[in-house]
Protein backbone atom coordinates (compact mmCIF):
# COMPACT_ATOMS: atom_id res chain seq x y z
CA UNK A 1 33.49 -10.74 -21.82
CA UNK A 2 35.41 -7.48 -21.76
CA UNK A 3 35.53 -5.09 -18.79
CA UNK A 4 33.51 -2.56 -20.81
CA UNK A 5 30.73 -5.09 -21.45
CA UNK A 6 30.66 -5.95 -17.73
CA UNK A 7 30.36 -2.24 -16.90
CA UNK A 8 27.40 -1.87 -19.28
CA UNK A 9 25.65 -4.93 -17.83
CA UNK A 10 26.28 -3.62 -14.28
CA UNK A 11 24.84 -0.21 -15.24
CA UNK A 12 21.79 -1.87 -16.79
CA UNK A 13 21.12 -4.03 -13.71
CA UNK A 14 21.73 -1.16 -11.32
CA UNK A 15 19.26 0.97 -13.34
CA UNK A 16 16.62 -1.73 -13.11
CA UNK A 17 17.15 -2.05 -9.36
CA UNK A 18 16.85 1.72 -8.91
CA UNK A 19 13.72 1.82 -11.08
CA UNK A 20 12.06 -0.92 -8.99
CA UNK A 21 13.07 0.85 -5.78
CA UNK A 22 11.63 4.11 -7.03
CA UNK A 23 8.45 2.34 -8.12
CA UNK A 24 7.96 0.65 -4.76
CA UNK A 25 9.03 3.53 -2.50
CA UNK A 26 8.30 6.60 -4.57
CA UNK A 27 10.42 9.66 -5.20
CA UNK A 28 9.40 11.45 -2.01
CA UNK A 29 11.20 9.04 0.35
CA UNK A 30 14.54 9.47 -1.33
CA UNK A 31 14.56 13.27 -1.09
CA UNK A 32 16.45 14.87 1.80
CA UNK A 33 14.47 18.16 1.68
CA UNK A 34 10.75 17.47 1.32
CA UNK A 35 9.70 21.11 1.75
CA UNK A 36 10.45 21.84 -1.92
CA UNK A 37 8.83 20.19 -4.93
CA UNK A 38 10.85 17.29 -6.33
CA UNK A 39 13.21 18.11 -9.16
CA UNK A 40 12.01 16.78 -12.54
CA UNK A 41 15.65 16.32 -13.62
CA UNK A 42 17.70 15.16 -10.66
CA UNK A 43 15.78 12.31 -9.02
CA UNK A 44 15.89 8.55 -8.71
CA UNK A 45 13.77 7.67 -11.76
CA UNK A 46 15.93 9.79 -14.10
CA UNK A 47 19.10 8.24 -12.77
CA UNK A 48 17.53 4.79 -13.25
CA UNK A 49 16.49 5.73 -16.82
CA UNK A 50 19.99 6.86 -17.67
CA UNK A 51 21.57 3.69 -16.27
CA UNK A 52 19.12 1.43 -18.11
CA UNK A 53 19.54 3.31 -21.40
CA UNK A 54 23.31 3.48 -21.04
CA UNK A 55 23.62 -0.23 -20.29
CA UNK A 56 21.04 -1.39 -22.83
CA UNK A 57 22.72 0.48 -25.66
CA UNK A 58 26.32 -0.02 -24.55
CA UNK A 59 26.36 -3.78 -24.03
CA UNK A 60 25.33 -4.83 -27.54
CA UNK A 61 27.59 -2.19 -29.06
CA UNK A 62 30.62 -3.35 -27.05
CA UNK A 63 30.01 -7.07 -27.52
CA UNK A 64 28.68 -7.26 -31.11
CA UNK A 65 30.36 -4.45 -33.04
CA UNK A 66 33.89 -3.35 -33.78
CA UNK A 67 33.37 0.27 -32.70
CA UNK A 68 36.20 1.86 -30.73
CA UNK A 69 35.66 2.16 -26.98
CA UNK A 70 35.17 5.93 -27.11
CA UNK A 71 32.50 5.56 -29.84
CA UNK A 72 30.64 2.89 -27.87
CA UNK A 73 30.68 4.98 -24.69
CA UNK A 74 29.59 8.10 -26.55
CA UNK A 75 26.64 6.35 -28.16
CA UNK A 76 25.66 4.77 -24.84
CA UNK A 77 25.74 8.18 -23.14
CA UNK A 78 23.56 9.63 -25.93
CA UNK A 79 20.99 6.83 -25.51
CA UNK A 80 21.09 7.38 -21.71
CA UNK A 81 20.41 11.08 -22.25
CA UNK A 82 17.46 10.21 -24.51
CA UNK A 83 16.16 7.93 -21.73
CA UNK A 84 16.46 10.82 -19.28
CA UNK A 85 14.49 13.01 -21.69
CA UNK A 86 11.75 10.39 -21.88
CA UNK A 87 11.65 10.01 -18.09
CA UNK A 88 11.49 13.79 -17.57
CA UNK A 89 8.56 13.95 -19.99
CA UNK A 90 6.83 11.09 -18.20
CA UNK A 91 7.37 12.66 -14.77
CA UNK A 92 6.23 16.07 -15.95
CA UNK A 93 3.04 14.75 -17.56
CA UNK A 94 2.11 12.15 -14.96
CA UNK A 95 4.00 11.80 -11.68
CA UNK A 96 5.00 15.41 -10.91
CA UNK A 97 1.94 17.13 -12.32
CA UNK A 98 0.66 20.33 -10.78
CA UNK A 99 -1.19 20.11 -7.47
CA UNK A 100 -4.33 21.45 -9.14
CA UNK A 101 -4.39 18.31 -11.31
CA UNK A 102 -4.19 15.95 -8.38
CA UNK A 103 -7.11 14.28 -6.64
CA UNK A 104 -9.02 16.27 -4.04
CA UNK A 105 -9.19 15.21 -0.43
CA UNK A 106 -12.53 13.53 -1.05
CA UNK A 107 -11.03 11.01 -3.48
CA UNK A 108 -7.76 10.52 -1.56
CA UNK A 109 -9.56 9.61 1.65
CA UNK A 110 -11.49 6.62 0.25
CA UNK A 111 -10.57 3.46 2.16
CA UNK A 112 -9.03 5.32 5.08
CA UNK A 113 -9.52 3.64 8.49
CA UNK A 114 -11.14 5.72 11.21
CA UNK A 115 -12.67 5.36 14.65
CA UNK A 116 -16.13 6.56 15.59
CA UNK A 117 -15.78 9.14 18.38
CA UNK A 118 -19.46 10.12 18.65
CA UNK A 119 -22.08 7.45 17.89
CA UNK A 120 -23.65 7.51 14.43
CA UNK A 121 -27.42 6.96 14.37
CA UNK A 122 -29.86 6.76 11.43
CA UNK A 123 -31.36 10.09 12.57
CA UNK A 124 -28.20 12.08 13.27
CA UNK A 125 -24.60 12.44 12.28
CA UNK A 126 -21.87 11.21 14.50
CA UNK A 127 -18.15 11.99 14.40
CA UNK A 128 -15.09 10.05 13.34
CA UNK A 129 -11.37 10.57 13.88
CA UNK A 130 -8.54 9.43 11.56
CA UNK A 131 -4.86 10.13 11.00
CA UNK A 132 -3.68 12.16 8.02
CA UNK A 133 -0.06 13.22 7.60
CA UNK A 134 0.55 12.70 11.32
CA UNK A 135 -2.41 14.83 12.45
CA UNK A 136 -5.67 13.59 13.90
CA UNK A 137 -8.61 14.75 11.83
CA UNK A 138 -12.19 14.79 13.11
CA UNK A 139 -15.19 15.09 10.77
CA UNK A 140 -18.95 14.55 11.00
CA UNK A 141 -20.01 11.14 9.71
CA UNK A 142 -23.02 9.14 8.54
CA UNK A 143 -23.40 5.40 8.03
CA UNK A 144 -23.54 4.17 4.45
CA UNK A 145 -26.30 1.71 5.27
CA UNK A 146 -28.17 3.93 7.76
CA UNK A 147 -27.27 1.61 10.66
CA UNK A 148 -26.29 2.72 14.14
CA UNK A 149 -22.55 2.65 14.77
CA UNK A 150 -21.48 3.01 18.40
CA UNK A 151 -18.51 5.11 19.56
CA UNK A 152 -15.24 3.23 19.54
CA UNK A 153 -16.10 1.19 16.41
CA UNK A 154 -13.54 0.89 13.65
CA UNK A 155 -14.90 2.13 10.31
CA UNK A 156 -13.71 2.65 6.73
CA UNK A 157 -14.36 5.95 4.99
CA UNK A 158 -16.14 5.49 1.67
CA UNK A 159 -16.23 9.18 0.70
CA UNK A 160 -16.58 12.71 2.04
CA UNK A 161 -19.37 14.86 0.67
CA UNK A 162 -19.98 18.41 1.80
CA UNK A 163 -17.75 17.89 4.85
CA UNK A 164 -19.55 14.75 5.99
CA UNK A 165 -17.82 11.34 5.82
CA UNK A 166 -19.86 8.32 4.75
CA UNK A 167 -18.50 5.27 6.57
CA UNK A 168 -19.00 1.56 6.86
CA UNK A 169 -18.01 -0.70 9.75
CA UNK A 170 -14.62 -2.33 9.30
CA UNK A 171 -16.10 -5.73 10.27
CA UNK A 172 -18.45 -5.57 7.23
CA UNK A 173 -15.64 -4.61 4.91
CA UNK A 174 -13.38 -7.31 6.31
CA UNK A 175 -16.00 -10.00 5.66
CA UNK A 176 -16.09 -9.06 1.97
CA UNK A 177 -12.33 -9.34 1.68
């Protein structure tokens, strides 16, 4: 196996590792400055896409054809650039879409753990507290099954409607799991 073929295989494997890392950890954790929106061009998934495309095209060209080295590298770079174009399109349409397209707080909060701070009764709302982005949030709450839930009980938020959280005791949810 030539040194060029080894380089293409290494680029392909490195691209796969970067893609899996980006999938598991997300783009946000790899950015040094999180105050700005992530770049759709210079980010971990696009680097991974280039490496995978570069390696996937370059290895068969270098090991199975008689193309000169410069031709093989040039074609591999072009395929890597096409992979970047595909990844940018994917990110723009799906992962980095506009904030207005994303889920509202009501949908994002489903399944969040919280603690009852004021008892919830069938006749009246109580209050829960939960952590969101490092801040403690407190909202009025009702029980999903109209049961009394004492203060200090761990609950799971099902949904928030009109500023009121509908919750269920964690013990009930845990039994179903």
